[in-house]
Structures are given as C-alpha cells and as structure tokens.
C-alpha cells in the first residue's frame, strides 16, 4: 500500500521535533498517567480507560494534522504559495 507523499513520523521529528514530541508523547503520557492514577487510587477504570482512549485518539488526529501541515509547507516551499 503506497501512501504517496505523506510524511513519516521520522520526517516529522526531523523537521519539527518539539511540536512532534508534544503532539505525540504529551497525550500518551497523560493517558498512561491517568491509568496509573486510577489504579493507585482505586478509581473506576471505566473513566480512566475512556480518558486514555480519548487521549490516544487526540494524539492520532493531532499528529495527522501536523503531518498535513508539514506536507503543505513542503509543497509551498517547492512550488510557491497558492493564490
């Protein structure tokens, strides 16, 4: 399956490591922290799992948006901005 010119995670981390790290590892660490907090404090795991699923979904969507933005910038630097 060829994804064409979609940038890979490695390309994103090389181009903008700070933003890529925050968008990928920030939500994932929040999800892991919430799951651990739920386990340690005896809170219902349903709430923690729902939060973790939401954070993973956010990380996926935000990283995809970041990849699209990087791709747009790459195209604009190659062909010039759209009118």
Protein backbone atom coordinates (compact mmCIF):
# COMPACT_ATOMS: atom_id res chain seq x y z
CA UNK A 1 0.00 0.00 0.00
CA UNK A 2 1.61 3.24 -1.15
CA UNK A 3 0.75 6.28 0.95
CA UNK A 4 2.37 8.65 -1.53
CA UNK A 5 3.95 11.84 -0.26
CA UNK A 6 2.58 11.64 3.30
CA UNK A 7 5.44 12.42 5.67
CA UNK A 8 6.52 9.68 8.06
CA UNK A 9 6.95 10.17 11.78
CA UNK A 10 10.72 10.23 11.31
CA UNK A 11 10.40 13.10 8.82
CA UNK A 12 8.11 14.98 11.19
CA UNK A 13 10.53 14.57 14.10
CA UNK A 14 13.43 15.75 11.93
CA UNK A 15 11.53 18.79 10.66
CA UNK A 16 9.95 19.90 13.95
CA UNK A 17 10.99 17.77 16.93
CA UNK A 18 9.40 19.94 19.63
CA UNK A 19 5.90 20.06 18.14
CA UNK A 20 6.03 16.42 17.09
CA UNK A 21 7.06 15.32 20.59
CA UNK A 22 4.38 17.40 22.30
CA UNK A 23 1.63 16.18 19.98
CA UNK A 24 2.59 12.53 20.21
CA UNK A 25 4.08 11.95 23.65
CA UNK A 26 2.08 14.54 25.62
CA UNK A 27 -1.34 12.92 25.23
CA UNK A 28 0.11 9.41 25.53
CA UNK A 29 1.85 10.25 28.80
CA UNK A 30 -1.36 11.84 30.12
CA UNK A 31 -3.24 8.65 29.24
CA UNK A 32 -0.65 6.45 30.96
CA UNK A 33 -0.62 8.74 34.00
CA UNK A 34 -4.38 8.67 34.30
CA UNK A 35 -4.46 4.87 34.06
CA UNK A 36 -1.78 4.62 36.74
CA UNK A 37 -3.60 7.18 38.92
CA UNK A 38 -6.82 5.24 38.58
CA UNK A 39 -5.11 2.02 39.61
CA UNK A 40 -3.27 3.55 42.57
CA UNK A 41 -6.26 5.45 43.95
CA UNK A 42 -8.90 2.82 43.23
CA UNK A 43 -10.95 4.98 40.88
CA UNK A 44 -13.27 3.27 38.41
CA UNK A 45 -11.21 2.00 35.49
CA UNK A 46 -14.02 2.87 33.06
CA UNK A 47 -13.38 6.58 33.48
CA UNK A 48 -9.62 6.16 33.13
CA UNK A 49 -9.92 3.92 30.08
CA UNK A 50 -12.32 6.36 28.41
CA UNK A 51 -9.87 9.21 29.07
CA UNK A 52 -6.97 7.13 27.74
CA UNK A 53 -8.89 6.27 24.56
CA UNK A 54 -9.73 9.94 24.06
CA UNK A 55 -6.08 10.95 24.54
CA UNK A 56 -4.85 8.30 22.09
CA UNK A 57 -7.44 9.47 19.54
CA UNK A 58 -6.33 13.07 20.09
CA UNK A 59 -2.68 12.09 19.56
CA UNK A 60 -3.56 10.33 16.30
CA UNK A 61 -5.63 13.23 14.95
CA UNK A 62 -3.19 15.92 16.08
CA UNK A 63 -0.21 14.07 14.58
CA UNK A 64 -2.12 13.62 11.33
CA UNK A 65 -2.89 17.34 11.26
CA UNK A 66 0.77 18.11 11.96
CA UNK A 67 1.78 15.80 9.08
CA UNK A 68 -0.63 17.55 6.72
CA UNK A 69 0.68 20.95 7.80
CA UNK A 70 4.27 19.79 7.23
CA UNK A 71 3.31 18.45 3.80
CA UNK A 72 1.66 21.77 2.89
CA UNK A 73 4.75 23.73 3.97
CA UNK A 74 6.94 21.40 1.92
CA UNK A 75 4.78 21.89 -1.16
CA UNK A 76 4.68 25.65 -0.71
CA UNK A 77 8.45 25.84 -0.41
CA UNK A 78 8.79 23.82 -3.61
CA UNK A 79 6.05 25.38 -5.76
CA UNK A 80 5.26 28.67 -4.01
CA UNK A 81 2.16 29.66 -2.04
CA UNK A 82 -1.29 29.17 -3.51
CA UNK A 83 -3.18 32.27 -4.60
